[in-house]
Every structure is written in C-alpha cells, then in structure tokens.
Amino acid sequence: MNQPLHRFKAEFFKALSHPMRIVILELLRAGEKPVSELQAALGIDQSSVSRQLAVLRTRNIVEDRKEGTSVYYRVRDPVVFQLLDVAREIFNNHLIDTHAMLQQLAEEE
C-alpha cells in the first residue's frame, strides 16, 4: 500500500488541503501574478503568502520566476484547474443532496 504513486497522490492532495492555497490557485487561474498582487488580494502578510507558495512550489504545483525584485508565480500544469472544477462540482452535489434532505425533513414536520 506504500507505493510511490499513492505517496505522490497523498502529498499532492496534502498540498491542496489548505484553504489559502486553494485561493492562491484560483487567483493564478487568470495567469501569472507577482507575490505582491497575491498578498494584496489575500489580505495577509507577505511571509504567510510565501509560506503557502513554498508548499505549492515544493509539490511542483506552481513555479516561480524572478524579474528584478519581484517574484512571479504561475500554475505549472493547468490541469490543476480541472481538478479544482471537479472538486467544486462535488461540493455543489453535496449541497444539493443536503438541501434535499433538509427539505424532506421540513416536509415531515
């Protein structure tokens, strides 16, 4: 059960397990952005943004480039956005199911 592919998948999903990292990826959906722009959009300090970006970079989800004093980030493989879209679809399906159950409970009362 400790195969390299399973480890890779687990580590990949761990990298996506923080809400701030998901927001960063959503911000990068529009294309490459400097850390300063990500920081402004997130409303958190630069060290927190850098910490979250480091996790994504370590897992090869994002890559960076330097231009002068600015560091720019982009998503390495745009297929990640398809994964986020599927996750949103699953979430929406759960909400629909939950709504249906609540409606059924309300009707039983």
PDB file of N, CA and C in Angstrom:
ATOM      1  N   MET A   1       0.823  -1.201   0.000  1.00  0.00           N
ATOM      2  CA  MET A   1       0.000   0.000   0.000  1.00  0.00           C
ATOM      3  C   MET A   1       0.865   1.262   0.000  1.00  0.00           C
ATOM      4  N   ASN A   2       2.127   1.117   0.156  1.00  0.00           N
ATOM      5  CA  ASN A   2       3.032   2.262   0.235  1.00  0.00           C
ATOM      6  C   ASN A   2       3.740   2.487  -1.097  1.00  0.00           C
ATOM      7  N   GLN A   3       3.004   2.400  -2.171  1.00  0.00           N
ATOM      8  CA  GLN A   3       3.580   2.551  -3.494  1.00  0.00           C
ATOM      9  C   GLN A   3       3.888   4.017  -3.778  1.00  0.00           C
ATOM     10  N   PRO A   4       4.881   4.283  -4.633  1.00  0.00           N
ATOM     11  CA  PRO A   4       5.244   5.663  -4.947  1.00  0.00           C
ATOM     12  C   PRO A   4       4.074   6.497  -5.488  1.00  0.00           C
ATOM     13  N   LEU A   5       3.220   5.923  -6.303  1.00  0.00           N
ATOM     14  CA  LEU A   5       2.090   6.675  -6.841  1.00  0.00           C
ATOM     15  C   LEU A   5       1.122   7.088  -5.740  1.00  0.00           C
ATOM     16  N   HIS A   6       0.863   6.192  -4.796  1.00  0.00           N
ATOM     17  CA  HIS A   6      -0.026   6.529  -3.679  1.00  0.00           C
ATOM     18  C   HIS A   6       0.578   7.634  -2.820  1.00  0.00           C
ATOM     19  N   ARG A   7       1.881   7.559  -2.583  1.00  0.00           N
ATOM     20  CA  ARG A   7       2.568   8.608  -1.808  1.00  0.00           C
ATOM     21  C   ARG A   7       2.486   9.941  -2.535  1.00  0.00           C
ATOM     22  N   PHE A   8       2.734   9.896  -3.858  1.00  0.00           N
ATOM     23  CA  PHE A   8       2.674  11.129  -4.651  1.00  0.00           C
ATOM     24  C   PHE A   8       1.284  11.751  -4.542  1.00  0.00           C
ATOM     25  N   LYS A   9       0.255  10.945  -4.721  1.00  0.00           N
ATOM     26  CA  LYS A   9      -1.119  11.450  -4.651  1.00  0.00           C
ATOM     27  C   LYS A   9      -1.415  12.040  -3.273  1.00  0.00           C
ATOM     28  N   ALA A  10      -1.021  11.345  -2.238  1.00  0.00           N
ATOM     29  CA  ALA A  10      -1.268  11.823  -0.877  1.00  0.00           C
ATOM     30  C   ALA A  10      -0.578  13.163  -0.631  1.00  0.00           C
ATOM     31  N   GLU A  11       0.672  13.275  -1.051  1.00  0.00           N
ATOM     32  CA  GLU A  11       1.413  14.525  -0.864  1.00  0.00           C
ATOM     33  C   GLU A  11       0.817  15.647  -1.707  1.00  0.00           C
ATOM     34  N   PHE A  12       0.385  15.314  -2.908  1.00  0.00           N
ATOM     35  CA  PHE A  12      -0.238  16.295  -3.792  1.00  0.00           C
ATOM     36  C   PHE A  12      -1.506  16.850  -3.139  1.00  0.00           C
ATOM     37  N   PHE A  13      -2.365  15.950  -2.639  1.00  0.00           N
ATOM     38  CA  PHE A  13      -3.602  16.403  -2.010  1.00  0.00           C
ATOM     39  C   PHE A  13      -3.338  17.121  -0.692  1.00  0.00           C
ATOM     40  N   LYS A  14      -2.286  16.758   0.018  1.00  0.00           N
ATOM     41  CA  LYS A  14      -1.917  17.497   1.235  1.00  0.00           C
ATOM     42  C   LYS A  14      -1.591  18.939   0.878  1.00  0.00           C
ATOM     43  N   ALA A  15      -0.895  19.122  -0.247  1.00  0.00           N
ATOM     44  CA  ALA A  15      -0.536  20.479  -0.677  1.00  0.00           C
ATOM     45  C   ALA A  15      -1.779  21.301  -0.987  1.00  0.00           C
ATOM     46  N   LEU A  16      -2.846  20.641  -1.396  1.00  0.00           N
ATOM     47  CA  LEU A  16      -4.090  21.340  -1.717  1.00  0.00           C
ATOM     48  C   LEU A  16      -5.028  21.440  -0.514  1.00  0.00           C
ATOM     49  N   SER A  17      -4.601  20.941   0.634  1.00  0.00           N
ATOM     50  CA  SER A  17      -5.501  20.823   1.777  1.00  0.00           C
ATOM     51  C   SER A  17      -5.711  22.109   2.570  1.00  0.00           C
ATOM     52  N   HIS A  18      -5.028  23.176   2.229  1.00  0.00           N
ATOM     53  CA  HIS A  18      -5.175  24.425   2.973  1.00  0.00           C
ATOM     54  C   HIS A  18      -6.030  25.405   2.159  1.00  0.00           C
ATOM     55  N   PRO A  19      -7.063  25.984   2.771  1.00  0.00           N
ATOM     56  CA  PRO A  19      -7.937  26.900   2.032  1.00  0.00           C
ATOM     57  C   PRO A  19      -7.195  28.044   1.350  1.00  0.00           C
ATOM     58  N   MET A  20      -6.157  28.569   1.998  1.00  0.00           N
ATOM     59  CA  MET A  20      -5.407  29.685   1.413  1.00  0.00           C
ATOM     60  C   MET A  20      -4.699  29.252   0.124  1.00  0.00           C
ATOM     61  N   ARG A  21      -4.221  28.026   0.096  1.00  0.00           N
ATOM     62  CA  ARG A  21      -3.548  27.541  -1.120  1.00  0.00           C
ATOM     63  C   ARG A  21      -4.542  27.378  -2.264  1.00  0.00           C
ATOM     64  N   ILE A  22      -5.765  26.986  -1.935  1.00  0.00           N
ATOM     65  CA  ILE A  22      -6.805  26.885  -2.965  1.00  0.00           C
ATOM     66  C   ILE A  22      -7.110  28.280  -3.518  1.00  0.00           C
ATOM     67  N   VAL A  23      -7.212  29.262  -2.646  1.00  0.00           N
ATOM     68  CA  VAL A  23      -7.474  30.638  -3.090  1.00  0.00           C
ATOM     69  C   VAL A  23      -6.330  31.125  -3.978  1.00  0.00           C
ATOM     70  N   ILE A  24      -5.103  30.833  -3.598  1.00  0.00           N
ATOM     71  CA  ILE A  24      -3.946  31.223  -4.417  1.00  0.00           C
ATOM     72  C   ILE A  24      -4.055  30.611  -5.803  1.00  0.00           C
ATOM     73  N   LEU A  25      -4.381  29.340  -5.875  1.00  0.00           N
ATOM     74  CA  LEU A  25      -4.520  28.691  -7.178  1.00  0.00           C
ATOM     75  C   LEU A  25      -5.636  29.330  -7.987  1.00  0.00           C
ATOM     76  N   GLU A  26      -6.739  29.659  -7.338  1.00  0.00           N
ATOM     77  CA  GLU A  26      -7.843  30.320  -8.049  1.00  0.00           C
ATOM     78  C   GLU A  26      -7.401  31.684  -8.573  1.00  0.00           C
ATOM     79  N   LEU A  27      -6.599  32.403  -7.796  1.00  0.00           N
ATOM     80  CA  LEU A  27      -6.083  33.698  -8.259  1.00  0.00           C
ATOM     81  C   LEU A  27      -5.147  33.521  -9.454  1.00  0.00           C
ATOM     82  N   LEU A  28      -4.397  32.430  -9.450  1.00  0.00           N
ATOM     83  CA  LEU A  28      -3.453  32.170 -10.551  1.00  0.00           C
ATOM     84  C   LEU A  28      -4.153  31.610 -11.791  1.00  0.00           C
ATOM     85  N   ARG A  29      -5.413  31.305 -11.667  1.00  0.00           N
ATOM     86  CA  ARG A  29      -6.173  30.797 -12.813  1.00  0.00           C
ATOM     87  C   ARG A  29      -6.122  31.803 -13.971  1.00  0.00           C
ATOM     88  N   ALA A  30      -6.128  33.080 -13.636  1.00  0.00           N
ATOM     89  CA  ALA A  30      -6.103  34.136 -14.653  1.00  0.00           C
ATOM     90  C   ALA A  30      -4.714  34.321 -15.265  1.00  0.00           C
ATOM     91  N   GLY A  31      -3.716  33.685 -14.680  1.00  0.00           N
ATOM     92  CA  GLY A  31      -2.355  33.798 -15.202  1.00  0.00           C
ATOM     93  C   GLY A  31      -1.366  34.167 -14.119  1.00  0.00           C
ATOM     94  N   GLU A  32      -0.138  34.306 -14.543  1.00  0.00           N
ATOM     95  CA  GLU A  32       0.975  34.610 -13.643  1.00  0.00           C
ATOM     96  C   GLU A  32       0.720  35.900 -12.867  1.00  0.00           C
ATOM     97  N   LYS A  33       1.120  35.879 -11.583  1.00  0.00           N
ATOM     98  CA  LYS A  33       0.954  37.053 -10.725  1.00  0.00           C
ATOM     99  C   LYS A  33       2.168  37.212  -9.817  1.00  0.00           C
ATOM    100  N   PRO A  34       2.528  38.461  -9.516  1.00  0.00           N
ATOM    101  CA  PRO A  34       3.609  38.682  -8.549  1.00  0.00           C
ATOM    102  C   PRO A  34       3.115  38.427  -7.128  1.00  0.00           C
ATOM    103  N   VAL A  35       4.031  38.104  -6.252  1.00  0.00           N
ATOM    104  CA  VAL A  35       3.684  37.844  -4.850  1.00  0.00           C
ATOM    105  C   VAL A  35       2.949  39.038  -4.260  1.00  0.00           C
ATOM    106  N   SER A  36       3.375  40.244  -4.604  1.00  0.00           N
ATOM    107  CA  SER A  36       2.729  41.438  -4.044  1.00  0.00           C
ATOM    108  C   SER A  36       1.244  41.505  -4.409  1.00  0.00           C
ATOM    109  N   GLU A  37       0.887  41.091  -5.623  1.00  0.00           N
ATOM    110  CA  GLU A  37      -0.519  41.094  -6.034  1.00  0.00           C
ATOM    111  C   GLU A  37      -1.303  40.008  -5.299  1.00  0.00           C
ATOM    112  N   LEU A  38      -0.687  38.851  -5.122  1.00  0.00           N
ATOM    113  CA  LEU A  38      -1.341  37.777  -4.366  1.00  0.00           C
ATOM    114  C   LEU A  38      -1.566  38.228  -2.926  1.00  0.00           C
ATOM    115  N   GLN A  39      -0.556  38.863  -2.350  1.00  0.00           N
ATOM    116  CA  GLN A  39      -0.653  39.344  -0.974  1.00  0.00           C
ATOM    117  C   GLN A  39      -1.792  40.347  -0.841  1.00  0.00           C
ATOM    118  N   ALA A  40      -1.886  41.277  -1.767  1.00  0.00           N
ATOM    119  CA  ALA A  40      -2.941  42.289  -1.708  1.00  0.00           C
ATOM    120  C   ALA A  40      -4.322  41.639  -1.838  1.00  0.00           C
ATOM    121  N   ALA A  41      -4.452  40.681  -2.739  1.00  0.00           N
ATOM    122  CA  ALA A  41      -5.741  40.009  -2.952  1.00  0.00           C
ATOM    123  C   ALA A  41      -6.152  39.181  -1.737  1.00  0.00           C
ATOM    124  N   LEU A  42      -5.173  38.582  -1.072  1.00  0.00           N
ATOM    125  CA  LEU A  42      -5.454  37.726   0.079  1.00  0.00           C
ATOM    126  C   LEU A  42      -5.614  38.513   1.376  1.00  0.00           C
ATOM    127  N   GLY A  43      -5.003  39.680   1.419  1.00  0.00           N
ATOM    128  CA  GLY A  43      -5.080  40.498   2.628  1.00  0.00           C
ATOM    129  C   GLY A  43      -4.314  39.929   3.803  1.00  0.00           C
ATOM    130  N   ILE A  44      -3.235  39.206   3.517  1.00  0.00           N
ATOM    131  CA  ILE A  44      -2.395  38.654   4.588  1.00  0.00           C
ATOM    132  C   ILE A  44      -0.951  39.099   4.358  1.00  0.00           C
ATOM    133  N   ASP A  45      -0.118  38.912   5.369  1.00  0.00           N
ATOM    134  CA  ASP A  45       1.264  39.376   5.271  1.00  0.00           C
ATOM    135  C   ASP A  45       2.072  38.542   4.271  1.00  0.00           C
ATOM    136  N   GLN A  46       3.146  39.142   3.805  1.00  0.00           N
ATOM    137  CA  GLN A  46       3.980  38.543   2.762  1.00  0.00           C
ATOM    138  C   GLN A  46       4.583  37.212   3.186  1.00  0.00           C
ATOM    139  N   SER A  47       4.952  37.078   4.453  1.00  0.00           N
ATOM    140  CA  SER A  47       5.562  35.826   4.903  1.00  0.00           C
ATOM    141  C   SER A  47       4.552  34.675   4.864  1.00  0.00           C
ATOM    142  N   SER A  48       3.286  34.966   5.169  1.00  0.00           N
ATOM    143  CA  SER A  48       2.249  33.921   5.102  1.00  0.00           C
ATOM    144  C   SER A  48       2.000  33.488   3.665  1.00  0.00           C
ATOM    145  N   VAL A  49       1.961  34.458   2.748  1.00  0.00           N
ATOM    146  CA  VAL A  49       1.791  34.131   1.327  1.00  0.00           C
ATOM    147  C   VAL A  49       2.973  33.290   0.853  1.00  0.00           C
ATOM    148  N   SER A  50       4.171  33.700   1.205  1.00  0.00           N
ATOM    149  CA  SER A  50       5.376  32.976   0.789  1.00  0.00           C
ATOM    150  C   SER A  50       5.394  31.558   1.335  1.00  0.00           C
ATOM    151  N   ARG A  51       4.942  31.394   2.550  1.00  0.00           N
ATOM    152  CA  ARG A  51       4.893  30.062   3.172  1.00  0.00           C
ATOM    153  C   ARG A  51       3.942  29.143   2.392  1.00  0.00           C
ATOM    154  N   GLN A  52       2.781  29.669   2.023  1.00  0.00           N
ATOM    155  CA  GLN A  52       1.816  28.863   1.271  1.00  0.00           C
ATOM    156  C   GLN A  52       2.334  28.568  -0.142  1.00  0.00           C
ATOM    157  N   LEU A  53       2.960  29.546  -0.760  1.00  0.00           N
ATOM    158  CA  LEU A  53       3.530  29.339  -2.094  1.00  0.00           C
ATOM    159  C   LEU A  53       4.663  28.312  -2.055  1.00  0.00           C
ATOM    160  N   ALA A  54       5.426  28.303  -0.976  1.00  0.00           N
ATOM    161  CA  ALA A  54       6.526  27.345  -0.848  1.00  0.00           C
ATOM    162  C   ALA A  54       5.998  25.913  -0.835  1.00  0.00           C
ATOM    163  N   VAL A  55       4.883  25.690  -0.165  1.00  0.00           N
ATOM    164  CA  VAL A  55       4.285  24.346  -0.145  1.00  0.00           C
ATOM    165  C   VAL A  55       3.874  23.944  -1.556  1.00  0.00           C
ATOM    166  N   LEU A  56       3.213  24.861  -2.266  1.00  0.00           N
ATOM    167  CA  LEU A  56       2.778  24.571  -3.638  1.00  0.00           C
ATOM    168  C   LEU A  56       3.971  24.364  -4.574  1.00  0.00           C
ATOM    169  N   ARG A  57       5.021  25.135  -4.352  1.00  0.00           N
ATOM    170  CA  ARG A  57       6.228  25.014  -5.190  1.00  0.00           C
ATOM    171  C   ARG A  57       6.950  23.694  -4.920  1.00  0.00           C
ATOM    172  N   THR A  58       7.022  23.291  -3.661  1.00  0.00           N
ATOM    173  CA  THR A  58       7.680  22.037  -3.295  1.00  0.00           C
ATOM    174  C   THR A  58       7.015  20.845  -3.969  1.00  0.00           C
ATOM    175  N   ARG A  59       5.711  20.916  -4.149  1.00  0.00           N
ATOM    176  CA  ARG A  59       4.945  19.831  -4.776  1.00  0.00           C
ATOM    177  C   ARG A  59       4.818  20.027  -6.289  1.00  0.00           C
ATOM    178  N   ASN A  60       5.571  20.995  -6.821  1.00  0.00           N
ATOM    179  CA  ASN A  60       5.575  21.279  -8.269  1.00  0.00           C
ATOM    180  C   ASN A  60       4.200  21.655  -8.808  1.00  0.00           C
ATOM    181  N   ILE A  61       3.393  22.275  -7.983  1.00  0.00           N
ATOM    182  CA  ILE A  61       2.081  22.734  -8.433  1.00  0.00           C
ATOM    183  C   ILE A  61       2.201  24.128  -9.035  1.00  0.00           C
ATOM    184  N   VAL A  62       3.087  24.932  -8.465  1.00  0.00           N
ATOM    185  CA  VAL A  62       3.377  26.249  -9.034  1.00  0.00           C
ATOM    186  C   VAL A  62       4.875  26.343  -9.296  1.00  0.00           C
ATOM    187  N   GLU A  63       5.212  27.292 -10.152  1.00  0.00           N
ATOM    188  CA  GLU A  63       6.628  27.590 -10.380  1.00  0.00           C
ATOM    189  C   GLU A  63       6.787  29.102 -10.364  1.00  0.00           C
ATOM    190  N   ASP A  64       7.999  29.533 -10.099  1.00  0.00           N
ATOM    191  CA  ASP A  64       8.248  30.962  -9.978  1.00  0.00           C
ATOM    192  C   ASP A  64       9.331  31.420 -10.938  1.00  0.00           C
ATOM    193  N   ARG A  65       9.356  32.724 -11.131  1.00  0.00           N
ATOM    194  CA  ARG A  65      10.444  33.364 -11.873  1.00  0.00           C
ATOM    195  C   ARG A  65      10.659  34.739 -11.254  1.00  0.00           C
ATOM    196  N   LYS A  66      11.896  35.170 -11.305  1.00  0.00           N
ATOM    197  CA  LYS A  66      12.228  36.473 -10.740  1.00  0.00           C
ATOM    198  C   LYS A  66      12.425  37.471 -11.868  1.00  0.00           C
ATOM    199  N   GLU A  67      11.921  38.664 -11.617  1.00  0.00           N
ATOM    200  CA  GLU A  67      12.107  39.780 -12.540  1.00  0.00           C
ATOM    201  C   GLU A  67      12.421  40.999 -11.690  1.00  0.00           C
ATOM    202  N   GLY A  68      13.666  41.398 -11.690  1.00  0.00           N
ATOM    203  CA  GLY A  68      14.093  42.480 -10.808  1.00  0.00           C
ATOM    204  C   GLY A  68      13.935  42.051  -9.362  1.00  0.00           C
ATOM    205  N   THR A  69      13.187  42.839  -8.616  1.00  0.00           N
ATOM    206  CA  THR A  69      12.970  42.500  -7.203  1.00  0.00           C
ATOM    207  C   THR A  69      11.658  41.744  -6.990  1.00  0.00           C
ATOM    208  N   SER A  70      10.910  41.524  -8.065  1.00  0.00           N
ATOM    209  CA  SER A  70       9.618  40.834  -7.948  1.00  0.00           C
ATOM    210  C   SER A  70       9.743  39.350  -8.277  1.00  0.00           C
ATOM    211  N   VAL A  71       8.944  38.557  -7.586  1.00  0.00           N
ATOM    212  CA  VAL A  71       8.851  37.123  -7.875  1.00  0.00           C
ATOM    213  C   VAL A  71       7.432  36.866  -8.376  1.00  0.00           C
ATOM    214  N   TYR A  72       7.352  36.226  -9.517  1.00  0.00           N
ATOM    215  CA  TYR A  72       6.075  35.910 -10.150  1.00  0.00           C
ATOM    216  C   TYR A  72       5.810  34.411 -10.049  1.00  0.00           C
ATOM    217  N   TYR A  73       4.546  34.080  -9.829  1.00  0.00           N
ATOM    218  CA  TYR A  73       4.151  32.670  -9.739  1.00  0.00           C
ATOM    219  C   TYR A  73       3.108  32.355 -10.793  1.00  0.00           C
ATOM    220  N   ARG A  74       3.156  31.115 -11.251  1.00  0.00           N
ATOM    221  CA  ARG A  74       2.144  30.598 -12.173  1.00  0.00           C
ATOM    222  C   ARG A  74       1.944  29.125 -11.868  1.00  0.00           C
ATOM    223  N   VAL A  75       0.789  28.623 -12.267  1.00  0.00           N
ATOM    224  CA  VAL A  75       0.495  27.203 -12.092  1.00  0.00           C
ATOM    225  C   VAL A  75       1.282  26.435 -13.145  1.00  0.00           C
ATOM    226  N   ARG A  76       1.952  25.407 -12.707  1.00  0.00           N
ATOM    227  CA  ARG A  76       2.817  24.626 -13.589  1.00  0.00           C
ATOM    228  C   ARG A  76       2.025  23.822 -14.616  1.00  0.00           C
ATOM    229  N   ASP A  77       0.936  23.200 -14.177  1.00  0.00           N
ATOM    230  CA  ASP A  77       0.126  22.370 -15.065  1.00  0.00           C
ATOM    231  C   ASP A  77      -1.329  22.821 -14.954  1.00  0.00           C
ATOM    232  N   PRO A  78      -1.875  23.433 -16.015  1.00  0.00           N
ATOM    233  CA  PRO A  78      -3.243  23.946 -15.951  1.00  0.00           C
ATOM    234  C   PRO A  78      -4.310  22.879 -15.699  1.00  0.00           C
ATOM    235  N   VAL A  79      -3.969  21.607 -15.779  1.00  0.00           N
ATOM    236  CA  VAL A  79      -4.922  20.547 -15.471  1.00  0.00           C
ATOM    237  C   VAL A  79      -5.359  20.648 -14.002  1.00  0.00           C
ATOM    238  N   VAL A  80      -4.560  21.287 -13.172  1.00  0.00           N
ATOM    239  CA  VAL A  80      -4.925  21.510 -11.769  1.00  0.00           C
ATOM    240  C   VAL A  80      -6.271  22.232 -11.695  1.00  0.00           C
ATOM    241  N   PHE A  81      -6.528  23.132 -12.629  1.00  0.00           N
ATOM    242  CA  PHE A  81      -7.794  23.864 -12.616  1.00  0.00           C
ATOM    243  C   PHE A  81      -8.973  22.936 -12.892  1.00  0.00           C
ATOM    244  N   GLN A  82      -8.758  21.916 -13.701  1.00  0.00           N
ATOM    245  CA  GLN A  82      -9.811  20.927 -13.936  1.00  0.00           C
ATOM    246  C   GLN A  82     -10.120  20.188 -12.632  1.00  0.00           C
ATOM    247  N   LEU A  83      -9.074  19.867 -11.875  1.00  0.00           N
ATOM    248  CA  LEU A  83      -9.252  19.205 -10.585  1.00  0.00           C
ATOM    249  C   LEU A  83     -10.049  20.095  -9.627  1.00  0.00           C
ATOM    250  N   LEU A  84      -9.723  21.376  -9.599  1.00  0.00           N
ATOM    251  CA  LEU A  84     -10.462  22.303  -8.740  1.00  0.00           C
ATOM    252  C   LEU A  84     -11.911  22.425  -9.186  1.00  0.00           C
ATOM    253  N   ASP A  85     -12.138  22.404 -10.493  1.00  0.00           N
ATOM    254  CA  ASP A  85     -13.505  22.470 -11.014  1.00  0.00           C
ATOM    255  C   ASP A  85     -14.305  21.232 -10.623  1.00  0.00           C
ATOM    256  N   VAL A  86     -13.663  20.069 -10.694  1.00  0.00           N
ATOM    257  CA  VAL A  86     -14.337  18.822 -10.295  1.00  0.00           C
ATOM    258  C   VAL A  86     -14.641  18.864  -8.797  1.00  0.00           C
ATOM    259  N   ALA A  87     -13.708  19.362  -8.008  1.00  0.00           N
ATOM    260  CA  ALA A  87     -13.944  19.472  -6.559  1.00  0.00           C
ATOM    261  C   ALA A  87     -15.136  20.391  -6.290  1.00  0.00           C
ATOM    262  N   ARG A  88     -15.242  21.483  -7.040  1.00  0.00           N
ATOM    263  CA  ARG A  88     -16.377  22.402  -6.875  1.00  0.00           C
ATOM    264  C   ARG A  88     -17.683  21.697  -7.246  1.00  0.00           C
ATOM    265  N   GLU A  89     -17.649  20.898  -8.293  1.00  0.00           N
ATOM    266  CA  GLU A  89     -18.828  20.144  -8.721  1.00  0.00           C
ATOM    267  C   GLU A  89     -19.260  19.147  -7.637  1.00  0.00           C
ATOM    268  N   ILE A  90     -18.290  18.459  -7.056  1.00  0.00           N
ATOM    269  CA  ILE A  90     -18.590  17.510  -5.970  1.00  0.00           C
ATOM    270  C   ILE A  90     -19.203  18.253  -4.788  1.00  0.00           C
ATOM    271  N   PHE A  91     -18.623  19.391  -4.441  1.00  0.00           N
ATOM    272  CA  PHE A  91     -19.141  20.216  -3.345  1.00  0.00           C
ATOM    273  C   PHE A  91     -20.581  20.632  -3.633  1.00  0.00           C
ATOM    274  N   ASN A  92     -20.837  21.100  -4.857  1.00  0.00           N
ATOM    275  CA  ASN A  92     -22.193  21.509  -5.226  1.00  0.00           C
ATOM    276  C   ASN A  92     -23.171  20.341  -5.135  1.00  0.00           C
ATOM    277  N   ASN A  93     -22.740  19.161  -5.554  1.00  0.00           N
ATOM    278  CA  ASN A  93     -23.599  17.972  -5.459  1.00  0.00           C
ATOM    279  C   ASN A  93     -23.937  17.660  -4.011  1.00  0.00           C
ATOM    280  N   HIS A  94     -22.955  17.811  -3.128  1.00  0.00           N
ATOM    281  CA  HIS A  94     -23.205  17.576  -1.701  1.00  0.00           C
ATOM    282  C   HIS A  94     -24.202  18.596  -1.157  1.00  0.00           C
ATOM    283  N   LEU A  95     -24.070  19.841  -1.606  1.00  0.00           N
ATOM    284  CA  LEU A  95     -25.011  20.865  -1.159  1.00  0.00           C
ATOM    285  C   LEU A  95     -26.429  20.555  -1.636  1.00  0.00           C
ATOM    286  N   ILE A  96     -26.539  20.108  -2.873  1.00  0.00           N
ATOM    287  CA  ILE A  96     -27.853  19.754  -3.414  1.00  0.00           C
ATOM    288  C   ILE A  96     -28.463  18.619  -2.605  1.00  0.00           C
ATOM    289  N   ASP A  97     -27.645  17.596  -2.307  1.00  0.00           N
ATOM    290  CA  ASP A  97     -28.133  16.464  -1.502  1.00  0.00           C
ATOM    291  C   ASP A  97     -28.557  16.919  -0.109  1.00  0.00           C
ATOM    292  N   THR A  98     -27.757  17.771   0.502  1.00  0.00           N
ATOM    293  CA  THR A  98     -28.063  18.273   1.839  1.00  0.00           C
ATOM    294  C   THR A  98     -29.351  19.093   1.812  1.00  0.00           C
ATOM    295  N   HIS A  99     -29.484  19.925   0.802  1.00  0.00           N
ATOM    296  CA  HIS A  99     -30.694  20.743   0.667  1.00  0.00           C
ATOM    297  C   HIS A  99     -31.924  19.849   0.527  1.00  0.00           C
ATOM    298  N   ALA A 100     -31.826  18.806  -0.274  1.00  0.00           N
ATOM    299  CA  ALA A 100     -32.943  17.886  -0.482  1.00  0.00           C
ATOM    300  C   ALA A 100     -33.314  17.194   0.833  1.00  0.00           C
ATOM    301  N   MET A 101     -32.306  16.780   1.603  1.00  0.00           N
ATOM    302  CA  MET A 101     -32.583  16.133   2.886  1.00  0.00           C
ATOM    303  C   MET A 101     -33.267  17.100   3.849  1.00  0.00           C
ATOM    304  N   LEU A 102     -32.797  18.342   3.903  1.00  0.00           N
ATOM    305  CA  LEU A 102     -33.398  19.337   4.786  1.00  0.00           C
ATOM    306  C   LEU A 102     -34.839  19.628   4.379  1.00  0.00           C
ATOM    307  N   GLN A 103     -35.069  19.689   3.085  1.00  0.00           N
ATOM    308  CA  GLN A 103     -36.417  19.921   2.589  1.00  0.00           C
ATOM    309  C   GLN A 103     -37.347  18.765   2.972  1.00  0.00           C
ATOM    310  N   GLN A 104     -36.821  17.554   2.854  1.00  0.00           N
ATOM    311  CA  GLN A 104     -37.606  16.375   3.221  1.00  0.00           C
ATOM    312  C   GLN A 104     -37.934  16.387   4.722  1.00  0.00           C
ATOM    313  N   LEU A 105     -36.947  16.745   5.537  1.00  0.00           N
ATOM    314  CA  LEU A 105     -37.181  16.839   6.990  1.00  0.00           C
ATOM    315  C   LEU A 105     -38.229  17.887   7.305  1.00  0.00           C
ATOM    316  N   ALA A 106     -38.169  19.015   6.627  1.00  0.00           N
ATOM    317  CA  ALA A 106     -39.125  20.094   6.861  1.00  0.00           C
ATOM    318  C   ALA A 106     -40.543  19.662   6.500  1.00  0.00           C
ATOM    319  N   GLU A 107     -40.653  18.884   5.434  1.00  0.00           N
ATOM    320  CA  GLU A 107     -41.969  18.399   4.985  1.00  0.00           C
ATOM    321  C   GLU A 107     -42.545  17.372   5.948  1.00  0.00           C
ATOM    322  N   GLU A 108     -41.680  16.629   6.655  1.00  0.00           N
ATOM    323  CA  GLU A 108     -42.135  15.605   7.590  1.00  0.00           C
ATOM    324  C   GLU A 108     -42.648  16.208   8.898  1.00  0.00           C
ATOM    325  N   GLU A 109     -42.277  17.408   9.178  1.00  0.00           N
ATOM    326  CA  GLU A 109     -42.672  18.041  10.452  1.00  0.00           C
ATOM    327  C   GLU A 109     -44.065  18.534  10.434  1.00  0.00           C
TER     328      GLU A 109
END
